[in-house]
C-alpha cells in the first residue's frame, strides 16, 4: 500500500493559538493576529508559495496597525513551533517495515519545510513528497492530489491518505483514494489495522 501523510496536525503539532499567546499579551491583538494572518487568505498564499513572509507581514501590518516587525517575529517562529508527534513518526517507521511506501502531501510554507527537512531524519523512509509551496498548488485542490499520483505513479485504489482536515479527506476520496481523518496517532493506527494494513493485525 501507499500511505500518504499530511504534515501539520498529523506528523507535527501545529497550534497557532499557543504561538500567538506567546508573542502577544493583549487579547485584542491576539484576535487580530489570528483573523488577519493565520485565518486570512494570505496564509494560503504563503502555503501556495505565491507570497513571501515579508510581504505577508507588511500586508498584515497594514490591515491591523500592528507593526510589520512583530508580524515578522511571529512568522519567523512558525517553523520551530512545528514539533514532532513522535507516535506518528514511529507509526511511519512501522509501516515502512511492513513493506508499505510512505509519501508526504502537505500545505506548507517554504521556510517551514526547509526547517523540517534539515532537522528531522524520518525523511530517509519517505518515498516521495509533494509540498504546496514548491508546486504552487494547495489542498484541497484536486490538482495537488493529481500531481502526487502522477509524479510517483501511485494507484489511488492502493493508497491511504491521512489528514486532519475533513475537506482534504473529501478531496482525496473524490480521487478514489482511501482515507483516514486523523485525530491522534492511536486512532490512526487503529484505523490502519481495520483496513488490514498490518500483517499481524495488532
N, C-alpha and C. Protein backbone atom coordinates (compact mmCIF):
# COMPACT_ATOMS: atom_id res chain seq x y z
N UNK A 1 0.83 -1.21 0.00
CA UNK A 1 0.00 0.00 0.00
C UNK A 1 0.87 1.26 0.00
N UNK A 2 0.28 2.32 -0.49
CA UNK A 2 0.90 3.64 -0.43
C UNK A 2 0.22 4.42 0.70
N UNK A 3 0.99 4.81 1.70
CA UNK A 3 0.43 5.54 2.84
C UNK A 3 0.89 6.99 2.73
N UNK A 4 -0.07 7.89 2.59
CA UNK A 4 0.22 9.30 2.32
C UNK A 4 -0.12 10.13 3.55
N UNK A 5 0.87 10.79 4.12
CA UNK A 5 0.69 11.58 5.34
C UNK A 5 0.67 13.08 5.05
N UNK A 6 -0.24 13.77 5.72
CA UNK A 6 -0.15 15.21 5.88
C UNK A 6 0.95 15.49 6.91
N UNK A 7 1.43 16.72 7.00
CA UNK A 7 2.45 17.06 8.00
C UNK A 7 1.85 17.77 9.21
N UNK A 8 1.40 19.02 9.04
CA UNK A 8 0.88 19.78 10.17
C UNK A 8 -0.39 19.19 10.74
N UNK A 9 -0.37 18.87 12.04
CA UNK A 9 -1.52 18.27 12.69
C UNK A 9 -1.53 16.76 12.66
N UNK A 10 -0.61 16.17 11.89
CA UNK A 10 -0.53 14.71 11.77
C UNK A 10 0.85 14.20 12.17
N UNK A 11 1.88 14.69 11.50
CA UNK A 11 3.26 14.32 11.83
C UNK A 11 3.87 15.35 12.79
N UNK A 12 3.39 16.58 12.69
CA UNK A 12 3.88 17.66 13.56
C UNK A 12 2.72 18.38 14.23
N UNK A 13 2.93 18.74 15.50
CA UNK A 13 1.96 19.57 16.19
C UNK A 13 1.92 20.95 15.54
N UNK A 14 0.72 21.45 15.34
CA UNK A 14 0.57 22.81 14.83
C UNK A 14 -0.54 23.49 15.62
N UNK A 15 -0.14 24.37 16.55
CA UNK A 15 -1.07 25.04 17.45
C UNK A 15 -0.81 26.55 17.42
N UNK A 16 -1.32 27.22 16.39
CA UNK A 16 -1.04 28.66 16.24
C UNK A 16 -1.52 29.51 17.40
N UNK A 17 -2.58 29.09 18.08
CA UNK A 17 -3.08 29.87 19.22
C UNK A 17 -2.02 30.01 20.30
N UNK A 18 -1.27 28.94 20.54
CA UNK A 18 -0.22 28.99 21.56
C UNK A 18 0.89 29.94 21.13
N UNK A 19 1.26 29.88 19.87
CA UNK A 19 2.29 30.79 19.34
C UNK A 19 1.85 32.24 19.48
N UNK A 20 0.61 32.52 19.12
CA UNK A 20 0.09 33.88 19.21
C UNK A 20 0.14 34.38 20.65
N UNK A 21 -0.26 33.53 21.59
CA UNK A 21 -0.28 33.92 23.00
C UNK A 21 1.12 34.15 23.55
N UNK A 22 2.10 33.47 22.99
CA UNK A 22 3.48 33.66 23.44
C UNK A 22 4.05 35.01 22.99
N UNK A 23 3.52 35.53 21.91
CA UNK A 23 4.07 36.76 21.32
C UNK A 23 3.23 37.99 21.68
N UNK A 24 1.93 37.82 21.77
CA UNK A 24 1.03 38.95 22.03
C UNK A 24 0.27 38.73 23.33
N UNK A 25 0.38 39.68 24.25
CA UNK A 25 -0.29 39.57 25.55
C UNK A 25 -1.73 40.08 25.49
N UNK A 26 -1.97 41.12 24.71
CA UNK A 26 -3.29 41.74 24.63
C UNK A 26 -4.26 40.83 23.87
N UNK A 27 -5.38 40.43 24.50
CA UNK A 27 -6.36 39.57 23.83
C UNK A 27 -6.88 40.15 22.51
N UNK A 28 -6.98 41.48 22.44
CA UNK A 28 -7.43 42.12 21.20
C UNK A 28 -6.40 41.90 20.09
N UNK A 29 -5.12 42.05 20.43
CA UNK A 29 -4.06 41.80 19.45
C UNK A 29 -4.06 40.33 19.03
N UNK A 30 -4.25 39.44 19.99
CA UNK A 30 -4.28 38.00 19.69
C UNK A 30 -5.38 37.68 18.68
N UNK A 31 -6.56 38.27 18.89
CA UNK A 31 -7.68 38.02 17.99
C UNK A 31 -7.41 38.58 16.60
N UNK A 32 -6.79 39.76 16.55
CA UNK A 32 -6.46 40.37 15.26
C UNK A 32 -5.44 39.54 14.49
N UNK A 33 -4.42 39.09 15.19
CA UNK A 33 -3.37 38.30 14.53
C UNK A 33 -3.94 36.99 14.00
N UNK A 34 -4.80 36.38 14.78
CA UNK A 34 -5.40 35.12 14.35
C UNK A 34 -6.24 35.31 13.09
N UNK A 35 -7.11 36.33 13.10
CA UNK A 35 -8.02 36.52 11.97
C UNK A 35 -7.35 37.17 10.77
N UNK A 36 -6.39 38.04 11.01
CA UNK A 36 -5.79 38.81 9.93
C UNK A 36 -4.47 38.23 9.40
N UNK A 37 -4.02 37.14 10.00
CA UNK A 37 -2.83 36.46 9.48
C UNK A 37 -3.11 34.97 9.29
N UNK A 38 -3.32 34.25 10.39
CA UNK A 38 -3.44 32.79 10.31
C UNK A 38 -4.73 32.33 9.64
N UNK A 39 -5.80 33.13 9.74
CA UNK A 39 -7.07 32.75 9.10
C UNK A 39 -7.35 33.57 7.84
N UNK A 40 -6.38 34.37 7.43
CA UNK A 40 -6.54 35.23 6.26
C UNK A 40 -6.12 34.49 4.99
N UNK A 41 -6.63 34.96 3.86
CA UNK A 41 -6.27 34.35 2.57
C UNK A 41 -4.77 34.40 2.31
N UNK A 42 -4.08 35.37 2.91
CA UNK A 42 -2.63 35.46 2.73
C UNK A 42 -1.91 34.23 3.27
N UNK A 43 -2.48 33.59 4.29
CA UNK A 43 -1.85 32.38 4.83
C UNK A 43 -1.83 31.28 3.78
N UNK A 44 -2.92 31.16 3.03
CA UNK A 44 -2.97 30.18 1.95
C UNK A 44 -1.99 30.55 0.84
N UNK A 45 -1.82 31.86 0.61
CA UNK A 45 -0.85 32.30 -0.40
C UNK A 45 0.58 31.96 0.03
N UNK A 46 0.85 32.03 1.33
CA UNK A 46 2.15 31.59 1.85
C UNK A 46 2.34 30.10 1.59
N UNK A 47 1.30 29.31 1.89
CA UNK A 47 1.37 27.87 1.64
C UNK A 47 1.53 27.57 0.15
N UNK A 48 0.90 28.38 -0.68
CA UNK A 48 0.96 28.16 -2.12
C UNK A 48 2.31 28.58 -2.71
N UNK A 49 3.05 29.38 -1.95
CA UNK A 49 4.34 29.85 -2.43
C UNK A 49 4.26 31.05 -3.34
N UNK A 50 3.15 31.78 -3.27
CA UNK A 50 2.98 32.96 -4.12
C UNK A 50 3.12 34.26 -3.32
N UNK A 51 3.44 34.15 -2.03
CA UNK A 51 3.63 35.31 -1.18
C UNK A 51 4.80 35.03 -0.24
N UNK A 52 5.67 36.01 -0.05
CA UNK A 52 6.78 35.83 0.89
C UNK A 52 6.34 36.21 2.29
N UNK A 53 7.09 35.76 3.28
CA UNK A 53 6.76 36.11 4.66
C UNK A 53 6.88 37.62 4.87
N UNK A 54 7.85 38.24 4.23
CA UNK A 54 7.99 39.70 4.36
C UNK A 54 6.77 40.42 3.81
N UNK A 55 6.31 39.97 2.65
CA UNK A 55 5.10 40.57 2.06
C UNK A 55 3.89 40.32 2.94
N UNK A 56 3.79 39.11 3.50
CA UNK A 56 2.66 38.79 4.37
C UNK A 56 2.66 39.65 5.62
N UNK A 57 3.84 39.86 6.20
CA UNK A 57 3.95 40.69 7.40
C UNK A 57 3.56 42.14 7.10
N UNK A 58 4.01 42.64 5.96
CA UNK A 58 3.69 44.01 5.57
C UNK A 58 2.19 44.19 5.38
N UNK A 59 1.56 43.25 4.71
CA UNK A 59 0.13 43.34 4.44
C UNK A 59 -0.68 43.18 5.72
N UNK A 60 -0.25 42.30 6.61
CA UNK A 60 -0.95 42.12 7.88
C UNK A 60 -0.85 43.38 8.73
N UNK A 61 0.31 44.03 8.69
CA UNK A 61 0.50 45.28 9.43
C UNK A 61 -0.44 46.36 8.91
N UNK A 62 -0.59 46.42 7.60
CA UNK A 62 -1.49 47.41 7.00
C UNK A 62 -2.94 47.14 7.38
N UNK A 63 -3.29 45.87 7.55
CA UNK A 63 -4.67 45.53 7.90
C UNK A 63 -4.98 45.81 9.37
N UNK A 64 -3.98 45.74 10.23
CA UNK A 64 -4.23 45.74 11.67
C UNK A 64 -3.68 46.95 12.43
N UNK A 65 -2.62 47.55 11.93
CA UNK A 65 -1.96 48.60 12.69
C UNK A 65 -0.88 48.07 13.61
N UNK A 66 -0.78 46.74 13.75
CA UNK A 66 0.32 46.11 14.48
C UNK A 66 1.56 46.20 13.59
N UNK A 67 2.72 46.41 14.18
CA UNK A 67 3.92 46.66 13.37
C UNK A 67 4.33 45.44 12.53
N UNK A 68 4.92 45.75 11.39
CA UNK A 68 5.43 44.70 10.50
C UNK A 68 6.47 43.84 11.21
N UNK A 69 7.30 44.46 12.04
CA UNK A 69 8.36 43.71 12.73
C UNK A 69 7.78 42.67 13.68
N UNK A 70 6.65 42.97 14.30
CA UNK A 70 6.03 41.99 15.20
C UNK A 70 5.45 40.82 14.41
N UNK A 71 4.90 41.12 13.25
CA UNK A 71 4.41 40.03 12.40
C UNK A 71 5.57 39.18 11.88
N UNK A 72 6.67 39.82 11.53
CA UNK A 72 7.84 39.06 11.09
C UNK A 72 8.37 38.18 12.22
N UNK A 73 8.32 38.71 13.43
CA UNK A 73 8.79 37.94 14.58
C UNK A 73 7.99 36.65 14.74
N UNK A 74 6.67 36.77 14.64
CA UNK A 74 5.83 35.58 14.81
C UNK A 74 5.98 34.63 13.62
N UNK A 75 6.11 35.17 12.41
CA UNK A 75 6.30 34.31 11.24
C UNK A 75 7.64 33.57 11.29
N UNK A 76 8.65 34.24 11.80
CA UNK A 76 9.96 33.61 11.92
C UNK A 76 9.96 32.46 12.92
N UNK A 77 9.01 32.47 13.85
CA UNK A 77 8.93 31.43 14.86
C UNK A 77 8.08 30.23 14.44
N UNK A 78 7.37 30.36 13.34
CA UNK A 78 6.48 29.28 12.91
C UNK A 78 7.21 27.95 12.71
N UNK A 79 8.33 27.90 11.97
CA UNK A 79 8.97 26.60 11.73
C UNK A 79 9.33 25.84 13.01
N UNK A 80 9.91 26.53 13.98
CA UNK A 80 10.33 25.84 15.21
C UNK A 80 9.17 25.45 16.10
N UNK A 81 7.98 26.00 15.82
CA UNK A 81 6.79 25.61 16.59
C UNK A 81 6.17 24.32 16.07
N UNK A 82 6.63 23.86 14.93
CA UNK A 82 6.17 22.57 14.39
C UNK A 82 6.97 21.46 15.05
N UNK A 83 6.46 20.99 16.18
CA UNK A 83 7.16 19.97 16.96
C UNK A 83 6.66 18.58 16.58
N UNK A 84 7.54 17.58 16.56
CA UNK A 84 7.16 16.26 16.08
C UNK A 84 6.17 15.54 16.99
N UNK A 85 5.22 14.85 16.37
CA UNK A 85 4.35 13.91 17.08
C UNK A 85 5.05 12.56 16.97
N UNK A 86 5.80 12.21 17.99
CA UNK A 86 6.70 11.05 17.89
C UNK A 86 5.95 9.75 17.62
N UNK A 87 4.73 9.63 18.13
CA UNK A 87 3.97 8.40 17.90
C UNK A 87 3.63 8.23 16.42
N UNK A 88 3.36 9.33 15.74
CA UNK A 88 3.08 9.25 14.30
C UNK A 88 4.34 8.87 13.53
N UNK A 89 5.45 9.45 13.91
CA UNK A 89 6.71 9.11 13.23
C UNK A 89 7.06 7.64 13.48
N UNK A 90 6.84 7.16 14.69
CA UNK A 90 7.05 5.73 14.97
C UNK A 90 6.15 4.88 14.08
N UNK A 91 4.92 5.33 13.89
CA UNK A 91 3.97 4.61 13.04
C UNK A 91 4.46 4.57 11.60
N UNK A 92 5.04 5.66 11.14
CA UNK A 92 5.59 5.70 9.78
C UNK A 92 6.69 4.65 9.60
N UNK A 93 7.57 4.55 10.59
CA UNK A 93 8.64 3.54 10.53
C UNK A 93 8.05 2.13 10.56
N UNK A 94 7.03 1.94 11.37
CA UNK A 94 6.39 0.62 11.46
C UNK A 94 5.77 0.24 10.12
N UNK A 95 5.12 1.20 9.49
CA UNK A 95 4.52 0.95 8.17
C UNK A 95 5.58 0.63 7.12
N UNK A 96 6.68 1.37 7.18
CA UNK A 96 7.78 1.12 6.24
C UNK A 96 8.34 -0.28 6.43
N UNK A 97 8.48 -0.70 7.68
CA UNK A 97 8.99 -2.04 7.97
C UNK A 97 8.03 -3.13 7.51
N UNK A 98 6.75 -2.77 7.38
CA UNK A 98 5.75 -3.72 6.88
C UNK A 98 5.79 -3.81 5.35
N UNK A 99 6.61 -2.97 4.73
CA UNK A 99 6.75 -3.03 3.28
C UNK A 99 5.94 -2.01 2.51
N UNK A 100 5.30 -1.08 3.23
CA UNK A 100 4.49 -0.07 2.56
C UNK A 100 5.35 1.11 2.10
N UNK A 101 4.86 1.81 1.09
CA UNK A 101 5.53 3.03 0.64
C UNK A 101 4.96 4.23 1.39
N UNK A 102 5.84 5.16 1.76
CA UNK A 102 5.45 6.32 2.56
C UNK A 102 5.59 7.59 1.72
N UNK A 103 4.52 8.38 1.71
CA UNK A 103 4.53 9.64 0.97
C UNK A 103 4.06 10.77 1.87
N UNK A 104 4.44 11.99 1.52
CA UNK A 104 4.03 13.20 2.22
C UNK A 104 3.29 14.10 1.23
N UNK A 105 2.13 14.60 1.64
CA UNK A 105 1.38 15.59 0.86
C UNK A 105 0.92 16.67 1.82
N UNK A 106 1.51 17.85 1.71
CA UNK A 106 1.27 18.86 2.74
C UNK A 106 1.20 20.27 2.17
N UNK A 107 0.30 21.06 2.76
CA UNK A 107 0.31 22.51 2.56
C UNK A 107 1.31 23.10 3.54
N UNK A 108 2.35 23.75 3.02
CA UNK A 108 3.36 24.30 3.93
C UNK A 108 4.17 25.39 3.23
N UNK A 109 4.60 26.35 4.04
CA UNK A 109 5.43 27.45 3.55
C UNK A 109 6.88 26.99 3.41
N UNK A 110 7.61 27.68 2.55
CA UNK A 110 8.97 27.24 2.22
C UNK A 110 9.89 27.25 3.44
N UNK A 111 9.78 28.27 4.30
CA UNK A 111 10.66 28.33 5.47
C UNK A 111 10.44 27.14 6.39
N UNK A 112 9.18 26.74 6.53
CA UNK A 112 8.86 25.64 7.43
C UNK A 112 9.35 24.30 6.89
N UNK A 113 9.11 24.04 5.60
CA UNK A 113 9.52 22.75 5.07
C UNK A 113 11.04 22.62 5.03
N UNK A 114 11.74 23.71 4.71
CA UNK A 114 13.21 23.65 4.72
C UNK A 114 13.73 23.37 6.13
N UNK A 115 13.11 23.97 7.11
CA UNK A 115 13.50 23.74 8.51
C UNK A 115 13.27 22.28 8.90
N UNK A 116 12.10 21.75 8.56
CA UNK A 116 11.78 20.37 8.94
C UNK A 116 12.65 19.36 8.20
N UNK A 117 12.94 19.63 6.94
CA UNK A 117 13.80 18.72 6.17
C UNK A 117 15.22 18.68 6.74
N UNK A 118 15.68 19.81 7.25
CA UNK A 118 17.04 19.87 7.80
C UNK A 118 17.12 19.27 9.20
N UNK A 119 16.02 19.31 9.94
CA UNK A 119 16.06 18.96 11.36
C UNK A 119 15.75 17.49 11.64
N UNK A 120 14.95 16.85 10.79
CA UNK A 120 14.44 15.52 11.12
C UNK A 120 14.97 14.45 10.16
N UNK A 121 15.12 13.25 10.69
CA UNK A 121 15.74 12.16 9.91
C UNK A 121 14.74 11.20 9.29
N UNK A 122 13.45 11.32 9.61
CA UNK A 122 12.48 10.35 9.08
C UNK A 122 12.33 10.45 7.57
N UNK A 123 12.84 11.53 6.97
CA UNK A 123 12.74 11.67 5.51
C UNK A 123 13.42 10.52 4.79
N UNK A 124 14.33 9.83 5.48
CA UNK A 124 15.04 8.70 4.87
C UNK A 124 14.10 7.57 4.46
N UNK A 125 12.93 7.49 5.10
CA UNK A 125 11.99 6.42 4.77
C UNK A 125 10.86 6.91 3.87
N UNK A 126 10.89 8.18 3.50
CA UNK A 126 9.84 8.76 2.66
C UNK A 126 10.16 8.52 1.19
N UNK A 127 9.22 7.89 0.48
CA UNK A 127 9.43 7.55 -0.93
C UNK A 127 9.17 8.72 -1.86
N UNK A 128 8.44 9.70 -1.39
CA UNK A 128 8.18 10.87 -2.22
C UNK A 128 7.40 11.90 -1.42
N UNK A 129 7.56 13.16 -1.80
CA UNK A 129 6.85 14.23 -1.10
C UNK A 129 6.39 15.29 -2.09
N UNK A 130 5.22 15.83 -1.82
CA UNK A 130 4.70 16.97 -2.58
C UNK A 130 4.34 18.04 -1.55
N UNK A 131 5.00 19.18 -1.65
CA UNK A 131 4.78 20.29 -0.73
C UNK A 131 4.19 21.46 -1.53
N UNK A 132 3.12 22.01 -1.03
CA UNK A 132 2.33 23.00 -1.77
C UNK A 132 3.15 24.16 -2.31
N UNK A 133 4.03 24.73 -1.49
CA UNK A 133 4.77 25.93 -1.90
C UNK A 133 5.69 25.67 -3.08
N UNK A 134 6.06 24.41 -3.28
CA UNK A 134 7.00 24.08 -4.35
C UNK A 134 6.33 23.87 -5.71
N UNK A 135 5.03 23.62 -5.69
CA UNK A 135 4.34 23.41 -6.97
C UNK A 135 3.20 24.40 -7.19
N UNK A 136 3.05 25.35 -6.25
CA UNK A 136 2.04 26.42 -6.37
C UNK A 136 0.61 25.87 -6.42
N UNK A 137 0.40 24.76 -5.74
CA UNK A 137 -0.93 24.17 -5.62
C UNK A 137 -1.14 23.77 -4.16
N UNK A 138 -2.40 23.86 -3.69
CA UNK A 138 -2.67 23.54 -2.29
C UNK A 138 -3.88 22.60 -2.18
N UNK A 139 -3.88 21.82 -1.10
CA UNK A 139 -5.08 21.06 -0.75
C UNK A 139 -6.16 22.04 -0.32
N UNK A 140 -7.43 21.81 -0.60
CA UNK A 140 -7.98 20.57 -1.17
C UNK A 140 -8.13 20.58 -2.70
N UNK A 141 -7.35 21.38 -3.40
CA UNK A 141 -7.45 21.40 -4.85
C UNK A 141 -7.08 20.03 -5.42
N UNK A 142 -7.88 19.57 -6.35
CA UNK A 142 -7.67 18.25 -6.94
C UNK A 142 -6.30 18.16 -7.62
N UNK A 143 -5.82 19.28 -8.16
CA UNK A 143 -4.57 19.29 -8.91
C UNK A 143 -3.37 18.82 -8.09
N UNK A 144 -3.37 19.12 -6.79
CA UNK A 144 -2.21 18.71 -5.98
C UNK A 144 -2.22 17.20 -5.74
N UNK A 145 -3.42 16.63 -5.61
CA UNK A 145 -3.51 15.17 -5.48
C UNK A 145 -3.12 14.50 -6.80
N UNK A 146 -3.59 15.06 -7.89
CA UNK A 146 -3.25 14.52 -9.21
C UNK A 146 -1.75 14.57 -9.45
N UNK A 147 -1.12 15.66 -9.01
CA UNK A 147 0.34 15.80 -9.15
C UNK A 147 1.06 14.69 -8.39
N UNK A 148 0.62 14.42 -7.18
CA UNK A 148 1.23 13.35 -6.38
C UNK A 148 1.08 11.99 -7.07
N UNK A 149 -0.13 11.69 -7.50
CA UNK A 149 -0.39 10.38 -8.12
C UNK A 149 0.43 10.18 -9.39
N UNK A 150 0.49 11.22 -10.22
CA UNK A 150 1.20 11.09 -11.49
C UNK A 150 2.72 11.09 -11.31
N UNK A 151 3.21 11.94 -10.41
CA UNK A 151 4.65 12.05 -10.22
C UNK A 151 5.26 10.75 -9.73
N UNK A 152 4.55 10.08 -8.81
CA UNK A 152 5.10 8.87 -8.19
C UNK A 152 4.40 7.60 -8.65
N UNK A 153 3.59 7.72 -9.72
CA UNK A 153 2.90 6.57 -10.31
C UNK A 153 2.16 5.78 -9.22
N UNK A 154 1.33 6.48 -8.50
CA UNK A 154 0.58 5.90 -7.39
C UNK A 154 -0.82 5.51 -7.87
N UNK A 155 -1.21 4.29 -7.57
CA UNK A 155 -2.57 3.82 -7.85
C UNK A 155 -3.46 4.26 -6.68
N UNK A 156 -4.45 5.13 -6.92
CA UNK A 156 -5.26 5.62 -5.81
C UNK A 156 -5.98 4.52 -5.03
N UNK A 157 -6.39 3.46 -5.72
CA UNK A 157 -7.12 2.39 -5.04
C UNK A 157 -6.22 1.57 -4.11
N UNK A 158 -4.91 1.75 -4.26
CA UNK A 158 -3.95 1.05 -3.40
C UNK A 158 -3.28 2.03 -2.43
N UNK A 159 -3.99 3.10 -2.10
CA UNK A 159 -3.41 4.17 -1.29
C UNK A 159 -4.34 4.59 -0.16
N UNK A 160 -3.73 5.06 0.92
CA UNK A 160 -4.47 5.61 2.06
C UNK A 160 -3.90 6.99 2.37
N UNK A 161 -4.77 7.98 2.39
CA UNK A 161 -4.37 9.36 2.69
C UNK A 161 -4.81 9.71 4.10
N UNK A 162 -3.88 10.23 4.90
CA UNK A 162 -4.13 10.55 6.31
C UNK A 162 -3.99 12.06 6.50
N UNK A 163 -5.08 12.70 6.91
CA UNK A 163 -5.09 14.17 7.06
C UNK A 163 -6.03 14.52 8.21
N UNK A 164 -5.78 15.67 8.84
CA UNK A 164 -6.62 16.08 9.98
C UNK A 164 -7.71 17.08 9.58
N UNK A 165 -7.86 17.35 8.28
CA UNK A 165 -8.85 18.31 7.81
C UNK A 165 -9.85 17.62 6.88
N UNK A 166 -11.13 17.74 7.22
CA UNK A 166 -12.14 16.96 6.51
C UNK A 166 -12.25 17.30 5.03
N UNK A 167 -12.09 18.58 4.65
CA UNK A 167 -12.21 18.92 3.23
C UNK A 167 -11.09 18.29 2.40
N UNK A 168 -9.93 18.12 3.00
CA UNK A 168 -8.82 17.46 2.30
C UNK A 168 -9.10 15.98 2.11
N UNK A 169 -9.68 15.38 3.14
CA UNK A 169 -10.05 13.96 3.07
C UNK A 169 -11.11 13.75 1.99
N UNK A 170 -12.09 14.63 1.95
CA UNK A 170 -13.15 14.53 0.94
C UNK A 170 -12.57 14.65 -0.47
N UNK A 171 -11.63 15.57 -0.64
CA UNK A 171 -10.99 15.75 -1.95
C UNK A 171 -10.24 14.49 -2.37
N UNK A 172 -9.52 13.88 -1.43
CA UNK A 172 -8.79 12.65 -1.72
C UNK A 172 -9.74 11.52 -2.11
N UNK A 173 -10.86 11.43 -1.39
CA UNK A 173 -11.84 10.38 -1.68
C UNK A 173 -12.41 10.54 -3.09
N UNK A 174 -12.56 11.79 -3.53
CA UNK A 174 -13.08 12.05 -4.88
C UNK A 174 -12.12 11.56 -5.96
N UNK A 175 -10.86 11.36 -5.58
CA UNK A 175 -9.84 10.83 -6.50
C UNK A 175 -9.74 9.31 -6.42
N UNK A 176 -10.57 8.70 -5.58
CA UNK A 176 -10.53 7.25 -5.43
C UNK A 176 -9.52 6.76 -4.42
N UNK A 177 -9.00 7.68 -3.60
CA UNK A 177 -8.01 7.33 -2.57
C UNK A 177 -8.74 6.98 -1.28
N UNK A 178 -8.33 5.91 -0.63
CA UNK A 178 -8.85 5.59 0.70
C UNK A 178 -8.33 6.63 1.69
N UNK A 179 -9.08 6.89 2.75
CA UNK A 179 -8.69 7.98 3.65
C UNK A 179 -8.88 7.62 5.12
N UNK A 180 -8.15 8.37 5.95
CA UNK A 180 -8.34 8.36 7.40
C UNK A 180 -8.32 9.82 7.86
N UNK A 181 -9.39 10.25 8.53
CA UNK A 181 -9.42 11.58 9.14
C UNK A 181 -8.73 11.47 10.49
N UNK A 182 -7.56 12.06 10.58
CA UNK A 182 -6.66 11.90 11.73
C UNK A 182 -7.14 12.71 12.92
N UNK A 183 -7.21 12.04 14.09
CA UNK A 183 -7.47 12.75 15.35
C UNK A 183 -6.42 12.44 16.40
N UNK A 184 -5.54 11.49 16.11
CA UNK A 184 -4.46 11.14 17.01
C UNK A 184 -3.75 9.89 16.53
N UNK A 185 -2.51 9.66 16.97
CA UNK A 185 -1.74 8.51 16.48
C UNK A 185 -2.39 7.16 16.77
N UNK A 186 -2.95 6.99 17.96
CA UNK A 186 -3.57 5.71 18.30
C UNK A 186 -4.82 5.46 17.45
N UNK A 187 -5.63 6.50 17.29
CA UNK A 187 -6.82 6.38 16.44
C UNK A 187 -6.42 6.04 15.01
N UNK A 188 -5.36 6.68 14.54
CA UNK A 188 -4.87 6.45 13.18
C UNK A 188 -4.39 5.01 13.02
N UNK A 189 -3.65 4.54 13.99
CA UNK A 189 -3.15 3.17 13.91
C UNK A 189 -4.30 2.16 13.92
N UNK A 190 -5.29 2.41 14.76
CA UNK A 190 -6.46 1.52 14.82
C UNK A 190 -7.19 1.50 13.48
N UNK A 191 -7.29 2.67 12.85
CA UNK A 191 -7.95 2.75 11.54
C UNK A 191 -7.15 1.99 10.48
N UNK A 192 -5.83 2.06 10.56
CA UNK A 192 -4.99 1.32 9.63
C UNK A 192 -5.11 -0.18 9.85
N UNK A 193 -5.19 -0.59 11.10
CA UNK A 193 -5.40 -2.01 11.41
C UNK A 193 -6.73 -2.47 10.81
N UNK A 194 -7.76 -1.66 10.98
CA UNK A 194 -9.08 -2.01 10.45
C UNK A 194 -9.07 -2.14 8.93
N UNK A 195 -8.17 -1.43 8.28
CA UNK A 195 -8.05 -1.51 6.83
C UNK A 195 -7.12 -2.64 6.38
N UNK A 196 -6.61 -3.41 7.35
CA UNK A 196 -5.79 -4.57 7.02
C UNK A 196 -4.37 -4.26 6.60
N UNK A 197 -3.87 -3.11 7.04
CA UNK A 197 -2.54 -2.67 6.62
C UNK A 197 -1.43 -3.48 7.29
N UNK A 198 -1.65 -3.89 8.53
CA UNK A 198 -0.62 -4.62 9.27
C UNK A 198 -0.83 -6.13 9.14
N UNK A 199 0.25 -6.82 8.80
CA UNK A 199 0.15 -8.26 8.55
C UNK A 199 -0.27 -9.03 9.80
N UNK A 200 0.27 -8.61 10.96
CA UNK A 200 -0.08 -9.33 12.19
C UNK A 200 -1.39 -8.84 12.79
N UNK A 201 -1.92 -7.69 12.21
CA UNK A 201 -3.24 -7.19 12.57
C UNK A 201 -3.37 -6.86 14.05
N UNK A 202 -2.26 -6.33 14.66
CA UNK A 202 -2.32 -5.99 16.08
C UNK A 202 -2.22 -4.49 16.26
